[in-house]
C-alpha atoms as a PDB file:
ATOM      1  CA  MET A   1     -46.876  -4.914 -35.537  1.00  0.00           C
ATOM      2  CA  GLY A   2     -50.534  -5.747 -35.320  1.00  0.00           C
ATOM      3  CA  ILE A   3     -52.909  -6.618 -32.591  1.00  0.00           C
ATOM      4  CA  VAL A   4     -53.055 -10.249 -31.791  1.00  0.00           C
ATOM      5  CA  LYS A   5     -56.524 -11.518 -31.002  1.00  0.00           C
ATOM      6  CA  ARG A   6     -56.836 -14.800 -29.231  1.00  0.00           C
ATOM      7  CA  GLU A   7     -60.012 -16.735 -28.957  1.00  0.00           C
ATOM      8  CA  ILE A   8     -60.659 -19.901 -27.054  1.00  0.00           C
ATOM      9  CA  VAL A   9     -63.570 -21.962 -28.300  1.00  0.00           C
ATOM     10  CA  TYR A  10     -65.037 -24.448 -25.956  1.00  0.00           C
ATOM     11  CA  SER A  11     -67.316 -27.030 -27.458  1.00  0.00           C
ATOM     12  CA  GLY A  12     -68.204 -30.634 -27.479  1.00  0.00           C
ATOM     13  CA  ASP A  13     -69.195 -33.191 -24.886  1.00  0.00           C
ATOM     14  CA  VAL A  14     -67.349 -31.713 -21.907  1.00  0.00           C
ATOM     15  CA  LEU A  15     -68.955 -28.295 -22.294  1.00  0.00           C
ATOM     16  CA  ASN A  16     -72.383 -29.753 -22.802  1.00  0.00           C
ATOM     17  CA  THR A  17     -72.015 -31.962 -19.717  1.00  0.00           C
ATOM     18  CA  ALA A  18     -70.851 -29.026 -17.624  1.00  0.00           C
ATOM     19  CA  SER A  19     -73.827 -26.941 -18.832  1.00  0.00           C
ATOM     20  CA  ARG A  20     -76.301 -29.701 -17.938  1.00  0.00           C
ATOM     21  CA  ILE A  21     -74.818 -30.088 -14.446  1.00  0.00           C
ATOM     22  CA  GLN A  22     -74.864 -26.305 -13.908  1.00  0.00           C
ATOM     23  CA  SER A  23     -78.518 -26.121 -14.905  1.00  0.00           C
ATOM     24  CA  LEU A  24     -79.387 -28.642 -12.155  1.00  0.00           C
ATOM     25  CA  CYS A  25     -78.011 -26.393  -9.364  1.00  0.00           C
ATOM     26  CA  ASN A  26     -81.269 -24.456  -9.031  1.00  0.00           C
ATOM     27  CA  GLU A  27     -83.389 -27.570  -9.133  1.00  0.00           C
ATOM     28  CA  MET A  28     -81.286 -29.142  -6.381  1.00  0.00           C
ATOM     29  CA  ASN A  29     -81.029 -25.876  -4.417  1.00  0.00           C
ATOM     30  CA  THR A  30     -77.228 -25.873  -4.307  1.00  0.00           C
ATOM     31  CA  ASP A  31     -74.422 -23.551  -5.416  1.00  0.00           C
ATOM     32  CA  ILE A  32     -71.908 -26.356  -5.947  1.00  0.00           C
ATOM     33  CA  LEU A  33     -72.691 -29.471  -7.934  1.00  0.00           C
ATOM     34  CA  LEU A  34     -70.118 -31.593  -9.732  1.00  0.00           C
ATOM     35  CA  SER A  35     -69.635 -35.082 -11.062  1.00  0.00           C
ATOM     36  CA  ASN A  36     -68.100 -37.607  -8.757  1.00  0.00           C
ATOM     37  CA  ASN A  37     -65.604 -38.384 -11.551  1.00  0.00           C
ATOM     38  CA  LEU A  38     -64.338 -34.774 -11.407  1.00  0.00           C
ATOM     39  CA  LEU A  39     -64.240 -34.815  -7.606  1.00  0.00           C
ATOM     40  CA  LYS A  40     -61.956 -37.856  -7.712  1.00  0.00           C
ATOM     41  CA  GLN A  41     -59.551 -36.039 -10.074  1.00  0.00           C
ATOM     42  CA  ILE A  42     -59.126 -32.662  -8.325  1.00  0.00           C
ATOM     43  CA  ASP A  43     -57.966 -31.591  -4.885  1.00  0.00           C
ATOM     44  CA  LEU A  44     -60.680 -29.630  -3.083  1.00  0.00           C
ATOM     45  CA  LYS A  45     -59.166 -29.859   0.412  1.00  0.00           C
ATOM     46  CA  PHE A  46     -58.985 -26.026   0.550  1.00  0.00           C
ATOM     47  CA  LEU A  47     -62.807 -25.987   0.676  1.00  0.00           C
ATOM     48  CA  ASP A  48     -62.697 -27.933   3.943  1.00  0.00           C
ATOM     49  CA  LYS A  49     -65.942 -29.638   2.993  1.00  0.00           C
ATOM     50  CA  GLU A  50     -67.226 -33.191   2.739  1.00  0.00           C
ATOM     51  CA  PHE A  51     -69.271 -34.109  -0.302  1.00  0.00           C
ATOM     52  CA  LYS A  52     -72.356 -36.261  -0.522  1.00  0.00           C
ATOM     53  CA  SER A  53     -73.944 -37.995  -3.483  1.00  0.00           C
ATOM     54  CA  VAL A  54     -77.192 -36.604  -4.821  1.00  0.00           C
ATOM     55  CA  GLY A  55     -77.631 -39.663  -6.977  1.00  0.00           C
ATOM     56  CA  ASN A  56     -76.985 -41.043 -10.390  1.00  0.00           C
ATOM     57  CA  ILE A  57     -78.604 -38.661 -12.824  1.00  0.00           C
ATOM     58  CA  THR A  58     -79.283 -39.021 -16.523  1.00  0.00           C
ATOM     59  CA  LEU A  59     -78.402 -35.670 -18.057  1.00  0.00           C
ATOM     60  CA  ARG A  60     -80.328 -34.381 -21.077  1.00  0.00           C
ATOM     61  CA  GLY A  61     -78.716 -35.727 -24.237  1.00  0.00           C
ATOM     62  CA  LYS A  62     -76.783 -38.448 -22.398  1.00  0.00           C
ATOM     63  CA  GLN A  63     -77.366 -42.172 -22.286  1.00  0.00           C
ATOM     64  CA  GLN A  64     -75.205 -42.985 -19.271  1.00  0.00           C
ATOM     65  CA  LYS A  65     -76.052 -41.812 -15.775  1.00  0.00           C
ATOM     66  CA  ILE A  66     -73.551 -39.579 -14.019  1.00  0.00           C
ATOM     67  CA  GLU A  67     -73.132 -39.543 -10.226  1.00  0.00           C
ATOM     68  CA  LEU A  68     -73.412 -35.960  -8.966  1.00  0.00           C
ATOM     69  CA  VAL A  69     -72.127 -34.711  -5.606  1.00  0.00           C
ATOM     70  CA  THR A  70     -72.582 -31.563  -3.530  1.00  0.00           C
ATOM     71  CA  PRO A  71     -71.059 -30.303  -0.262  1.00  0.00           C
ATOM     72  CA  CYS A  72     -72.628 -31.577   2.951  1.00  0.00           C
END
């Protein structure tokens, strides 16, 4: 028997978008920043927070604007 090595490679548009959003956290002085599309798809009730829009942002390398949200 040998050693099984598993690698997960993340690439493509989703990773690039996440990276662009993460890089805006410092600029917007927030620890949590996510797209409104993602917020609509996941259950964050455990955070016990309301979210507010920080605007429709054009991310580097993107043509369409993405609405970003952060906790109030």
